[in-house]
Amino acid sequence: MEQIVISGTGVFTPEQSITNEELVKAYNEYAEKFNLSNKQDIDSGKTDALELSNEEFIFNASGIKNRYVMDKEGILDPEIMHPILDKRSDDQPSILAEMSIKAAEKALHEAGKTS
């Protein structure tokens, strides 16, 4: 029987990252615009105002100071607030599959193997 050995590991980490400070700035700008646009409904009680956030709250709630992301620009744009990823055709691997492939390639390289 052949012995199986784990001789390499691989982790995919996106190149872009967002700090809590950047996230708070984008969210608070979004919340302020929302509150201003909905002032009449907020004043009449039809809609709740969005509360502003801060770095301490995010860290205490999540334990995260910095997060790696695939698209920093879309996430930090108060008009978008989510990643903008290219559409993929059905014959292309999904973004998660692409991440997995990159991690596997790193593991193979670390192990001195090729695919």
PDB file of N, CA and C in Angstrom:
ATOM      1  N   MET A   1       0.839  -1.181   0.000  1.00  0.00           N
ATOM      2  CA  MET A   1       0.000   0.000   0.000  1.00  0.00           C
ATOM      3  C   MET A   1       0.883   1.242   0.000  1.00  0.00           C
ATOM      4  N   GLU A   2       0.492   2.224  -0.808  1.00  0.00           N
ATOM      5  CA  GLU A   2       1.250   3.446  -0.928  1.00  0.00           C
ATOM      6  C   GLU A   2       0.993   4.357   0.269  1.00  0.00           C
ATOM      7  N   GLN A   3       2.045   4.980   0.781  1.00  0.00           N
ATOM      8  CA  GLN A   3       1.898   5.891   1.908  1.00  0.00           C
ATOM      9  C   GLN A   3       1.574   7.292   1.384  1.00  0.00           C
ATOM     10  N   ILE A   4       0.567   7.895   1.962  1.00  0.00           N
ATOM     11  CA  ILE A   4       0.163   9.237   1.557  1.00  0.00           C
ATOM     12  C   ILE A   4       0.815  10.238   2.503  1.00  0.00           C
ATOM     13  N   VAL A   5       1.391  11.288   1.918  1.00  0.00           N
ATOM     14  CA  VAL A   5       2.104  12.301   2.688  1.00  0.00           C
ATOM     15  C   VAL A   5       1.601  13.686   2.275  1.00  0.00           C
ATOM     16  N   ILE A   6       1.335  14.515   3.251  1.00  0.00           N
ATOM     17  CA  ILE A   6       1.021  15.918   2.955  1.00  0.00           C
ATOM     18  C   ILE A   6       2.355  16.644   2.905  1.00  0.00           C
ATOM     19  N   SER A   7       2.770  17.020   1.701  1.00  0.00           N
ATOM     20  CA  SER A   7       4.093  17.619   1.532  1.00  0.00           C
ATOM     21  C   SER A   7       4.036  19.084   1.113  1.00  0.00           C
ATOM     22  N   GLY A   8       2.851  19.621   1.015  1.00  0.00           N
ATOM     23  CA  GLY A   8       2.709  21.025   0.662  1.00  0.00           C
ATOM     24  C   GLY A   8       1.317  21.514   1.011  1.00  0.00           C
ATOM     25  N   THR A   9       1.235  22.756   1.362  1.00  0.00           N
ATOM     26  CA  THR A   9      -0.066  23.368   1.649  1.00  0.00           C
ATOM     27  C   THR A   9      -0.174  24.664   0.856  1.00  0.00           C
ATOM     28  N   GLY A  10      -1.382  25.075   0.602  1.00  0.00           N
ATOM     29  CA  GLY A  10      -1.576  26.315  -0.142  1.00  0.00           C
ATOM     30  C   GLY A  10      -2.808  27.045   0.336  1.00  0.00           C
ATOM     31  N   VAL A  11      -2.690  28.344   0.425  1.00  0.00           N
ATOM     32  CA  VAL A  11      -3.806  29.195   0.819  1.00  0.00           C
ATOM     33  C   VAL A  11      -3.871  30.336  -0.191  1.00  0.00           C
ATOM     34  N   PHE A  12      -5.067  30.635  -0.645  1.00  0.00           N
ATOM     35  CA  PHE A  12      -5.237  31.780  -1.534  1.00  0.00           C
ATOM     36  C   PHE A  12      -5.640  32.982  -0.696  1.00  0.00           C
ATOM     37  N   THR A  13      -4.917  34.081  -0.861  1.00  0.00           N
ATOM     38  CA  THR A  13      -5.248  35.330  -0.187  1.00  0.00           C
ATOM     39  C   THR A  13      -5.353  36.417  -1.251  1.00  0.00           C
ATOM     40  N   PRO A  14      -6.510  37.058  -1.367  1.00  0.00           N
ATOM     41  CA  PRO A  14      -6.634  38.140  -2.349  1.00  0.00           C
ATOM     42  C   PRO A  14      -5.597  39.229  -2.098  1.00  0.00           C
ATOM     43  N   GLU A  15      -5.226  39.920  -3.161  1.00  0.00           N
ATOM     44  CA  GLU A  15      -4.200  40.958  -3.057  1.00  0.00           C
ATOM     45  C   GLU A  15      -4.709  42.228  -2.372  1.00  0.00           C
ATOM     46  N   GLN A  16      -5.985  42.522  -2.508  1.00  0.00           N
ATOM     47  CA  GLN A  16      -6.537  43.755  -1.949  1.00  0.00           C
ATOM     48  C   GLN A  16      -7.043  43.522  -0.527  1.00  0.00           C
ATOM     49  N   SER A  17      -6.960  44.567   0.287  1.00  0.00           N
ATOM     50  CA  SER A  17      -7.483  44.462   1.651  1.00  0.00           C
ATOM     51  C   SER A  17      -8.156  45.773   2.044  1.00  0.00           C
ATOM     52  N   ILE A  18      -9.039  45.663   3.034  1.00  0.00           N
ATOM     53  CA  ILE A  18      -9.780  46.818   3.536  1.00  0.00           C
ATOM     54  C   ILE A  18      -9.618  46.867   5.048  1.00  0.00           C
ATOM     55  N   THR A  19      -9.281  48.045   5.559  1.00  0.00           N
ATOM     56  CA  THR A  19      -9.180  48.237   7.005  1.00  0.00           C
ATOM     57  C   THR A  19     -10.548  48.629   7.559  1.00  0.00           C
ATOM     58  N   ASN A  20     -10.698  48.514   8.859  1.00  0.00           N
ATOM     59  CA  ASN A  20     -11.941  48.959   9.496  1.00  0.00           C
ATOM     60  C   ASN A  20     -12.154  50.458   9.277  1.00  0.00           C
ATOM     61  N   GLU A  21     -11.076  51.219   9.291  1.00  0.00           N
ATOM     62  CA  GLU A  21     -11.182  52.664   9.072  1.00  0.00           C
ATOM     63  C   GLU A  21     -11.793  52.956   7.697  1.00  0.00           C
ATOM     64  N   GLU A  22     -11.318  52.248   6.677  1.00  0.00           N
ATOM     65  CA  GLU A  22     -11.856  52.439   5.327  1.00  0.00           C
ATOM     66  C   GLU A  22     -13.319  52.008   5.253  1.00  0.00           C
ATOM     67  N   LEU A  23     -13.630  50.894   5.891  1.00  0.00           N
ATOM     68  CA  LEU A  23     -14.996  50.372   5.875  1.00  0.00           C
ATOM     69  C   LEU A  23     -15.962  51.331   6.573  1.00  0.00           C
ATOM     70  N   VAL A  24     -15.553  51.858   7.718  1.00  0.00           N
ATOM     71  CA  VAL A  24     -16.390  52.800   8.471  1.00  0.00           C
ATOM     72  C   VAL A  24     -16.629  54.069   7.655  1.00  0.00           C
ATOM     73  N   LYS A  25     -15.593  54.567   7.030  1.00  0.00           N
ATOM     74  CA  LYS A  25     -15.736  55.786   6.224  1.00  0.00           C
ATOM     75  C   LYS A  25     -16.772  55.575   5.121  1.00  0.00           C
ATOM     76  N   ALA A  26     -16.683  54.465   4.400  1.00  0.00           N
ATOM     77  CA  ALA A  26     -17.624  54.187   3.307  1.00  0.00           C
ATOM     78  C   ALA A  26     -19.039  53.979   3.838  1.00  0.00           C
ATOM     79  N   TYR A  27     -19.174  53.175   4.892  1.00  0.00           N
ATOM     80  CA  TYR A  27     -20.512  52.908   5.433  1.00  0.00           C
ATOM     81  C   TYR A  27     -21.151  54.180   5.980  1.00  0.00           C
ATOM     82  N   ASN A  28     -20.387  54.960   6.733  1.00  0.00           N
ATOM     83  CA  ASN A  28     -20.957  56.173   7.326  1.00  0.00           C
ATOM     84  C   ASN A  28     -21.395  57.167   6.250  1.00  0.00           C
ATOM     85  N   GLU A  29     -20.649  57.237   5.157  1.00  0.00           N
ATOM     86  CA  GLU A  29     -21.066  58.099   4.048  1.00  0.00           C
ATOM     87  C   GLU A  29     -22.384  57.584   3.460  1.00  0.00           C
ATOM     88  N   TYR A  30     -22.490  56.263   3.304  1.00  0.00           N
ATOM     89  CA  TYR A  30     -23.737  55.660   2.819  1.00  0.00           C
ATOM     90  C   TYR A  30     -24.892  55.969   3.781  1.00  0.00           C
ATOM     91  N   ALA A  31     -24.662  55.771   5.078  1.00  0.00           N
ATOM     92  CA  ALA A  31     -25.713  55.981   6.082  1.00  0.00           C
ATOM     93  C   ALA A  31     -26.159  57.440   6.122  1.00  0.00           C
ATOM     94  N   GLU A  32     -25.214  58.356   6.046  1.00  0.00           N
ATOM     95  CA  GLU A  32     -25.569  59.780   6.056  1.00  0.00           C
ATOM     96  C   GLU A  32     -26.414  60.146   4.836  1.00  0.00           C
ATOM     97  N   LYS A  33     -26.042  59.622   3.667  1.00  0.00           N
ATOM     98  CA  LYS A  33     -26.832  59.880   2.451  1.00  0.00           C
ATOM     99  C   LYS A  33     -28.227  59.270   2.577  1.00  0.00           C
ATOM    100  N   PHE A  34     -28.301  58.057   3.113  1.00  0.00           N
ATOM    101  CA  PHE A  34     -29.596  57.400   3.302  1.00  0.00           C
ATOM    102  C   PHE A  34     -30.472  58.228   4.231  1.00  0.00           C
ATOM    103  N   ASN A  35     -29.912  58.635   5.352  1.00  0.00           N
ATOM    104  CA  ASN A  35     -30.682  59.401   6.341  1.00  0.00           C
ATOM    105  C   ASN A  35     -31.154  60.740   5.771  1.00  0.00           C
ATOM    106  N   LEU A  36     -30.309  61.382   4.989  1.00  0.00           N
ATOM    107  CA  LEU A  36     -30.686  62.656   4.375  1.00  0.00           C
ATOM    108  C   LEU A  36     -31.784  62.446   3.328  1.00  0.00           C
ATOM    109  N   SER A  37     -31.630  61.414   2.507  1.00  0.00           N
ATOM    110  CA  SER A  37     -32.625  61.124   1.461  1.00  0.00           C
ATOM    111  C   SER A  37     -33.967  60.698   2.033  1.00  0.00           C
ATOM    112  N   ASN A  38     -33.959  60.113   3.213  1.00  0.00           N
ATOM    113  CA  ASN A  38     -35.178  59.581   3.824  1.00  0.00           C
ATOM    114  C   ASN A  38     -35.610  60.366   5.057  1.00  0.00           C
ATOM    115  N   LYS A  39     -35.161  61.616   5.141  1.00  0.00           N
ATOM    116  CA  LYS A  39     -35.414  62.427   6.333  1.00  0.00           C
ATOM    117  C   LYS A  39     -36.903  62.523   6.676  1.00  0.00           C
ATOM    118  N   GLN A  40     -37.736  62.748   5.697  1.00  0.00           N
ATOM    119  CA  GLN A  40     -39.174  62.903   5.952  1.00  0.00           C
ATOM    120  C   GLN A  40     -39.760  61.611   6.535  1.00  0.00           C
ATOM    121  N   ASP A  41     -39.419  60.461   5.953  1.00  0.00           N
ATOM    122  CA  ASP A  41     -39.923  59.181   6.467  1.00  0.00           C
ATOM    123  C   ASP A  41     -39.340  58.865   7.843  1.00  0.00           C
ATOM    124  N   ILE A  42     -38.105  59.256   8.067  1.00  0.00           N
ATOM    125  CA  ILE A  42     -37.479  59.035   9.378  1.00  0.00           C
ATOM    126  C   ILE A  42     -38.172  59.901  10.429  1.00  0.00           C
ATOM    127  N   ASP A  43     -38.391  61.167  10.095  1.00  0.00           N
ATOM    128  CA  ASP A  43     -39.053  62.090  11.031  1.00  0.00           C
ATOM    129  C   ASP A  43     -40.479  61.654  11.356  1.00  0.00           C
ATOM    130  N   SER A  44     -41.167  61.044  10.381  1.00  0.00           N
ATOM    131  CA  SER A  44     -42.556  60.616  10.612  1.00  0.00           C
ATOM    132  C   SER A  44     -42.639  59.224  11.229  1.00  0.00           C
ATOM    133  N   GLY A  45     -41.493  58.554  11.379  1.00  0.00           N
ATOM    134  CA  GLY A  45     -41.483  57.228  11.993  1.00  0.00           C
ATOM    135  C   GLY A  45     -41.725  56.085  11.025  1.00  0.00           C
ATOM    136  N   LYS A  46     -41.838  56.370   9.735  1.00  0.00           N
ATOM    137  CA  LYS A  46     -42.051  55.313   8.731  1.00  0.00           C
ATOM    138  C   LYS A  46     -40.789  54.487   8.488  1.00  0.00           C
ATOM    139  N   THR A  47     -39.653  55.115   8.668  1.00  0.00           N
ATOM    140  CA  THR A  47     -38.365  54.469   8.419  1.00  0.00           C
ATOM    141  C   THR A  47     -37.424  54.780   9.571  1.00  0.00           C
ATOM    142  N   ASP A  48     -36.616  53.809   9.928  1.00  0.00           N
ATOM    143  CA  ASP A  48     -35.595  54.041  10.956  1.00  0.00           C
ATOM    144  C   ASP A  48     -34.352  54.645  10.315  1.00  0.00           C
ATOM    145  N   ALA A  49     -33.748  55.577  11.013  1.00  0.00           N
ATOM    146  CA  ALA A  49     -32.480  56.142  10.560  1.00  0.00           C
ATOM    147  C   ALA A  49     -31.389  55.089  10.713  1.00  0.00           C
ATOM    148  N   LEU A  50     -30.427  55.126   9.811  1.00  0.00           N
ATOM    149  CA  LEU A  50     -29.273  54.239   9.945  1.00  0.00           C
ATOM    150  C   LEU A  50     -28.293  54.865  10.927  1.00  0.00           C
ATOM    151  N   GLU A  51     -27.804  54.059  11.851  1.00  0.00           N
ATOM    152  CA  GLU A  51     -26.820  54.543  12.819  1.00  0.00           C
ATOM    153  C   GLU A  51     -25.443  54.534  12.178  1.00  0.00           C
ATOM    154  N   LEU A  52     -24.625  55.482  12.564  1.00  0.00           N
ATOM    155  CA  LEU A  52     -23.251  55.505  12.087  1.00  0.00           C
ATOM    156  C   LEU A  52     -22.453  54.455  12.849  1.00  0.00           C
ATOM    157  N   SER A  53     -21.374  54.025  12.244  1.00  0.00           N
ATOM    158  CA  SER A  53     -20.545  52.985  12.848  1.00  0.00           C
ATOM    159  C   SER A  53     -19.202  53.571  13.249  1.00  0.00           C
ATOM    160  N   ASN A  54     -18.366  52.747  13.859  1.00  0.00           N
ATOM    161  CA  ASN A  54     -17.009  53.156  14.199  1.00  0.00           C
ATOM    162  C   ASN A  54     -16.112  51.924  14.225  1.00  0.00           C
ATOM    163  N   GLU A  55     -14.813  52.163  14.155  1.00  0.00           N
ATOM    164  CA  GLU A  55     -13.841  51.068  14.086  1.00  0.00           C
ATOM    165  C   GLU A  55     -13.922  50.151  15.303  1.00  0.00           C
ATOM    166  N   GLU A  56     -14.093  50.729  16.472  1.00  0.00           N
ATOM    167  CA  GLU A  56     -14.141  49.934  17.704  1.00  0.00           C
ATOM    168  C   GLU A  56     -15.313  48.952  17.672  1.00  0.00           C
ATOM    169  N   PHE A  57     -16.481  49.416  17.220  1.00  0.00           N
ATOM    170  CA  PHE A  57     -17.645  48.536  17.144  1.00  0.00           C
ATOM    171  C   PHE A  57     -17.369  47.361  16.211  1.00  0.00           C
ATOM    172  N   ILE A  58     -16.824  47.636  15.040  1.00  0.00           N
ATOM    173  CA  ILE A  58     -16.563  46.557  14.078  1.00  0.00           C
ATOM    174  C   ILE A  58     -15.580  45.556  14.665  1.00  0.00           C
ATOM    175  N   PHE A  59     -14.519  46.049  15.287  1.00  0.00           N
ATOM    176  CA  PHE A  59     -13.539  45.129  15.868  1.00  0.00           C
ATOM    177  C   PHE A  59     -14.153  44.312  17.001  1.00  0.00           C
ATOM    178  N   ASN A  60     -14.915  44.952  17.879  1.00  0.00           N
ATOM    179  CA  ASN A  60     -15.531  44.229  18.999  1.00  0.00           C
ATOM    180  C   ASN A  60     -16.560  43.212  18.520  1.00  0.00           C
ATOM    181  N   ALA A  61     -17.284  43.537  17.459  1.00  0.00           N
ATOM    182  CA  ALA A  61     -18.314  42.627  16.945  1.00  0.00           C
ATOM    183  C   ALA A  61     -17.722  41.468  16.155  1.00  0.00           C
ATOM    184  N   SER A  62     -16.582  41.708  15.500  1.00  0.00           N
ATOM    185  CA  SER A  62     -16.046  40.688  14.594  1.00  0.00           C
ATOM    186  C   SER A  62     -14.656  40.180  14.952  1.00  0.00           C
ATOM    187  N   GLY A  63     -13.899  40.965  15.693  1.00  0.00           N
ATOM    188  CA  GLY A  63     -12.515  40.595  15.975  1.00  0.00           C
ATOM    189  C   GLY A  63     -11.601  40.823  14.779  1.00  0.00           C
ATOM    190  N   ILE A  64     -12.119  41.481  13.759  1.00  0.00           N
ATOM    191  CA  ILE A  64     -11.361  41.683  12.520  1.00  0.00           C
ATOM    192  C   ILE A  64     -10.913  43.139  12.424  1.00  0.00           C
ATOM    193  N   LYS A  65      -9.630  43.339  12.078  1.00  0.00           N
ATOM    194  CA  LYS A  65      -9.100  44.682  11.857  1.00  0.00           C
ATOM    195  C   LYS A  65      -8.920  44.966  10.367  1.00  0.00           C
ATOM    196  N   ASN A  66      -8.740  43.905   9.604  1.00  0.00           N
ATOM    197  CA  ASN A  66      -8.416  44.015   8.193  1.00  0.00           C
ATOM    198  C   ASN A  66      -8.978  42.793   7.486  1.00  0.00           C
ATOM    199  N   ARG A  67      -9.561  42.973   6.313  1.00  0.00           N
ATOM    200  CA  ARG A  67     -10.096  41.829   5.574  1.00  0.00           C
ATOM    201  C   ARG A  67      -9.574  41.880   4.146  1.00  0.00           C
ATOM    202  N   TYR A  68      -9.303  40.704   3.601  1.00  0.00           N
ATOM    203  CA  TYR A  68      -8.854  40.588   2.222  1.00  0.00           C
ATOM    204  C   TYR A  68     -10.072  40.452   1.326  1.00  0.00           C
ATOM    205  N   VAL A  69     -10.043  41.166   0.195  1.00  0.00           N
ATOM    206  CA  VAL A  69     -11.198  41.195  -0.700  1.00  0.00           C
ATOM    207  C   VAL A  69     -10.753  41.085  -2.157  1.00  0.00           C
ATOM    208  N   MET A  70     -11.682  40.693  -3.002  1.00  0.00           N
ATOM    209  CA  MET A  70     -11.407  40.583  -4.429  1.00  0.00           C
ATOM    210  C   MET A  70     -11.606  41.919  -5.148  1.00  0.00           C
ATOM    211  N   ASP A  71     -12.445  42.797  -4.619  1.00  0.00           N
ATOM    212  CA  ASP A  71     -12.685  44.093  -5.255  1.00  0.00           C
ATOM    213  C   ASP A  71     -12.919  45.161  -4.195  1.00  0.00           C
ATOM    214  N   LYS A  72     -11.865  45.850  -3.849  1.00  0.00           N
ATOM    215  CA  LYS A  72     -11.921  46.888  -2.822  1.00  0.00           C
ATOM    216  C   LYS A  72     -12.743  48.096  -3.289  1.00  0.00           C
ATOM    217  N   GLU A  73     -12.582  48.470  -4.541  1.00  0.00           N
ATOM    218  CA  GLU A  73     -13.214  49.683  -5.058  1.00  0.00           C
ATOM    219  C   GLU A  73     -14.736  49.644  -4.945  1.00  0.00           C
ATOM    220  N   GLY A  74     -15.356  48.557  -5.374  1.00  0.00           N
ATOM    221  CA  GLY A  74     -16.814  48.450  -5.312  1.00  0.00           C
ATOM    222  C   GLY A  74     -17.337  48.429  -3.885  1.00  0.00           C
ATOM    223  N   ILE A  75     -16.615  47.741  -3.010  1.00  0.00           N
ATOM    224  CA  ILE A  75     -17.045  47.629  -1.616  1.00  0.00           C
ATOM    225  C   ILE A  75     -17.002  48.987  -0.919  1.00  0.00           C
ATOM    226  N   LEU A  76     -15.983  49.785  -1.226  1.00  0.00           N
ATOM    227  CA  LEU A  76     -15.813  51.069  -0.544  1.00  0.00           C
ATOM    228  C   LEU A  76     -16.548  52.225  -1.217  1.00  0.00           C
ATOM    229  N   ASP A  77     -17.229  51.962  -2.319  1.00  0.00           N
ATOM    230  CA  ASP A  77     -18.017  52.998  -2.980  1.00  0.00           C
ATOM    231  C   ASP A  77     -19.390  53.053  -2.314  1.00  0.00           C
ATOM    232  N   PRO A  78     -19.719  54.158  -1.623  1.00  0.00           N
ATOM    233  CA  PRO A  78     -21.005  54.236  -0.913  1.00  0.00           C
ATOM    234  C   PRO A  78     -22.228  54.065  -1.817  1.00  0.00           C
ATOM    235  N   GLU A  79     -22.058  54.230  -3.112  1.00  0.00           N
ATOM    236  CA  GLU A  79     -23.158  54.026  -4.055  1.00  0.00           C
ATOM    237  C   GLU A  79     -23.312  52.559  -4.444  1.00  0.00           C
ATOM    238  N   ILE A  80     -22.323  51.726  -4.122  1.00  0.00           N
ATOM    239  CA  ILE A  80     -22.341  50.315  -4.534  1.00  0.00           C
ATOM    240  C   ILE A  80     -22.327  49.390  -3.319  1.00  0.00           C
ATOM    241  N   MET A  81     -21.293  49.489  -2.486  1.00  0.00           N
ATOM    242  CA  MET A  81     -21.137  48.735  -1.231  1.00  0.00           C
ATOM    243  C   MET A  81     -21.105  47.209  -1.413  1.00  0.00           C
ATOM    244  N   HIS A  82     -20.594  46.734  -2.535  1.00  0.00           N
ATOM    245  CA  HIS A  82     -20.387  45.298  -2.744  1.00  0.00           C
ATOM    246  C   HIS A  82     -19.309  45.132  -3.810  1.00  0.00           C
ATOM    247  N   PRO A  83     -18.673  43.974  -3.858  1.00  0.00           N
ATOM    248  CA  PRO A  83     -17.636  43.782  -4.879  1.00  0.00           C
ATOM    249  C   PRO A  83     -18.239  43.771  -6.283  1.00  0.00           C
ATOM    250  N   ILE A  84     -17.487  44.292  -7.222  1.00  0.00           N
ATOM    251  CA  ILE A  84     -17.879  44.228  -8.627  1.00  0.00           C
ATOM    252  C   ILE A  84     -16.951  43.203  -9.274  1.00  0.00           C
ATOM    253  N   LEU A  85     -17.517  42.079  -9.614  1.00  0.00           N
ATOM    254  CA  LEU A  85     -16.744  40.990 -10.199  1.00  0.00           C
ATOM    255  C   LEU A  85     -17.201  40.777 -11.635  1.00  0.00           C
ATOM    256  N   ASP A  86     -16.254  40.439 -12.490  1.00  0.00           N
ATOM    257  CA  ASP A  86     -16.587  40.190 -13.888  1.00  0.00           C
ATOM    258  C   ASP A  86     -17.565  39.034 -14.000  1.00  0.00           C
ATOM    259  N   LYS A  87     -18.497  39.173 -14.929  1.00  0.00           N
ATOM    260  CA  LYS A  87     -19.412  38.063 -15.227  1.00  0.00           C
ATOM    261  C   LYS A  87     -18.587  36.950 -15.861  1.00  0.00           C
ATOM    262  N   ARG A  88     -18.947  35.726 -15.545  1.00  0.00           N
ATOM    263  CA  ARG A  88     -18.240  34.572 -16.094  1.00  0.00           C
ATOM    264  C   ARG A  88     -19.210  33.735 -16.900  1.00  0.00           C
ATOM    265  N   SER A  89     -18.697  33.200 -17.983  1.00  0.00           N
ATOM    266  CA  SER A  89     -19.537  32.315 -18.794  1.00  0.00           C
ATOM    267  C   SER A  89     -19.587  30.946 -18.122  1.00  0.00           C
ATOM    268  N   ASP A  90     -20.522  30.129 -18.559  1.00  0.00           N
ATOM    269  CA  ASP A  90     -20.695  28.804 -17.956  1.00  0.00           C
ATOM    270  C   ASP A  90     -19.484  27.900 -18.148  1.00  0.00           C
ATOM    271  N   ASP A  91     -18.632  28.207 -19.132  1.00  0.00           N
ATOM    272  CA  ASP A  91     -17.458  27.356 -19.348  1.00  0.00           C
ATOM    273  C   ASP A  91     -16.227  27.853 -18.585  1.00  0.00           C
ATOM    274  N   GLN A  92     -16.370  28.932 -17.825  1.00  0.00           N
ATOM    275  CA  GLN A  92     -15.277  29.432 -16.991  1.00  0.00           C
ATOM    276  C   GLN A  92     -15.469  28.950 -15.559  1.00  0.00           C
ATOM    277  N   PRO A  93     -14.360  28.724 -14.840  1.00  0.00           N
ATOM    278  CA  PRO A  93     -14.509  28.333 -13.430  1.00  0.00           C
ATOM    279  C   PRO A  93     -15.091  29.493 -12.613  1.00  0.00           C
ATOM    280  N   SER A  94     -15.828  29.150 -11.567  1.00  0.00           N
ATOM    281  CA  SER A  94     -16.373  30.173 -10.670  1.00  0.00           C
ATOM    282  C   SER A  94     -15.227  30.852  -9.933  1.00  0.00           C
ATOM    283  N   ILE A  95     -15.524  31.963  -9.292  1.00  0.00           N
ATOM    284  CA  ILE A  95     -14.481  32.666  -8.547  1.00  0.00           C
ATOM    285  C   ILE A  95     -13.947  31.803  -7.403  1.00  0.00           C
ATOM    286  N   LEU A  96     -14.825  31.034  -6.758  1.00  0.00           N
ATOM    287  CA  LEU A  96     -14.364  30.148  -5.680  1.00  0.00           C
ATOM    288  C   LEU A  96     -13.500  29.023  -6.234  1.00  0.00           C
ATOM    289  N   ALA A  97     -13.861  28.508  -7.409  1.00  0.00           N
ATOM    290  CA  ALA A  97     -13.031  27.476  -8.035  1.00  0.00           C
ATOM    291  C   ALA A  97     -11.669  28.054  -8.401  1.00  0.00           C
ATOM    292  N   GLU A  98     -11.649  29.278  -8.898  1.00  0.00           N
ATOM    293  CA  GLU A  98     -10.390  29.929  -9.244  1.00  0.00           C
ATOM    294  C   GLU A  98      -9.505  30.088  -8.003  1.00  0.00           C
ATOM    295  N   MET A  99     -10.102  30.475  -6.884  1.00  0.00           N
ATOM    296  CA  MET A  99      -9.345  30.595  -5.632  1.00  0.00           C
ATOM    297  C   MET A  99      -8.776  29.241  -5.221  1.00  0.00           C
ATOM    298  N   SER A 100      -9.576  28.208  -5.355  1.00  0.00           N
ATOM    299  CA  SER A 100      -9.144  26.853  -4.986  1.00  0.00           C
ATOM    300  C   SER A 100      -7.997  26.386  -5.867  1.00  0.00           C
ATOM    301  N   ILE A 101      -8.081  26.682  -7.150  1.00  0.00           N
ATOM    302  CA  ILE A 101      -7.020  26.290  -8.081  1.00  0.00           C
ATOM    303  C   ILE A 101      -5.718  26.986  -7.707  1.00  0.00           C
ATOM    304  N   LYS A 102      -5.786  28.274  -7.412  1.00  0.00           N
ATOM    305  CA  LYS A 102      -4.579  29.018  -7.026  1.00  0.00           C
ATOM    306  C   LYS A 102      -3.979  28.456  -5.736  1.00  0.00           C
ATOM    307  N   ALA A 103      -4.811  28.093  -4.774  1.00  0.00           N
ATOM    308  CA  ALA A 103      -4.317  27.493  -3.529  1.00  0.00           C
ATOM    309  C   ALA A 103      -3.680  26.140  -3.815  1.00  0.00           C
ATOM    310  N   ALA A 104      -4.309  25.342  -4.666  1.00  0.00           N
ATOM    311  CA  ALA A 104      -3.761  24.021  -5.009  1.00  0.00           C
ATOM    312  C   ALA A 104      -2.431  24.166  -5.738  1.00  0.00           C
ATOM    313  N   GLU A 105      -2.324  25.143  -6.627  1.00  0.00           N
ATOM    314  CA  GLU A 105      -1.059  25.376  -7.334  1.00  0.00           C
ATOM    315  C   GLU A 105       0.053  25.737  -6.358  1.00  0.00           C
ATOM    316  N   LYS A 106      -0.260  26.551  -5.339  1.00  0.00           N
ATOM    317  CA  LYS A 106       0.739  26.891  -4.317  1.00  0.00           C
ATOM    318  C   LYS A 106       1.173  25.645  -3.550  1.00  0.00           C
ATOM    319  N   ALA A 107       0.223  24.796  -3.209  1.00  0.00           N
ATOM    320  CA  ALA A 107       0.542  23.563  -2.478  1.00  0.00           C
ATOM    321  C   ALA A 107       1.414  22.650  -3.327  1.00  0.00           C
ATOM    322  N   LEU A 108       1.095  22.513  -4.596  1.00  0.00           N
ATOM    323  CA  LEU A 108       1.907  21.679  -5.489  1.00  0.00           C
ATOM    324  C   LEU A 108       3.317  22.237  -5.617  1.00  0.00           C
ATOM    325  N   HIS A 109       3.433  23.550  -5.758  1.00  0.00           N
ATOM    326  CA  HIS A 109       4.748  24.179  -5.857  1.00  0.00           C
ATOM    327  C   HIS A 109       5.556  23.939  -4.582  1.00  0.00           C
ATOM    328  N   GLU A 110       4.916  24.118  -3.428  1.00  0.00           N
ATOM    329  CA  GLU A 110       5.584  23.899  -2.142  1.00  0.00           C
ATOM    330  C   GLU A 110       6.057  22.454  -2.004  1.00  0.00           C
ATOM    331  N   ALA A 111       5.285  21.540  -2.557  1.00  0.00           N
ATOM    332  CA  ALA A 111       5.626  20.114  -2.477  1.00  0.00           C
ATOM    333  C   ALA A 111       6.618  19.699  -3.561  1.00  0.00           C
ATOM    334  N   GLY A 112       6.943  20.635  -4.455  1.00  0.00           N
ATOM    335  CA  GLY A 112       7.862  20.304  -5.533  1.00  0.00           C
ATOM    336  C   GLY A 112       7.222  19.431  -6.604  1.00  0.00           C
ATOM    337  N   LYS A 113       5.936  19.564  -6.779  1.00  0.00           N
ATOM    338  CA  LYS A 113       5.192  18.755  -7.751  1.00  0.00           C
ATOM    339  C   LYS A 113       4.619  19.663  -8.835  1.00  0.00           C
ATOM    340  N   THR A 114       4.206  19.048  -9.925  1.00  0.00           N
ATOM    341  CA  THR A 114       3.511  19.772 -10.985  1.00  0.00           C
ATOM    342  C   THR A 114       2.175  19.099 -11.242  1.00  0.00           C
ATOM    343  N   SER A 115       1.260  19.860 -11.818  1.00  0.00           N
ATOM    344  CA  SER A 115      -0.065  19.287 -12.079  1.00  0.00           C
ATOM    345  C   SER A 115      -0.095  18.545 -13.395  1.00  0.00           C
TER     346      SER A 115
END
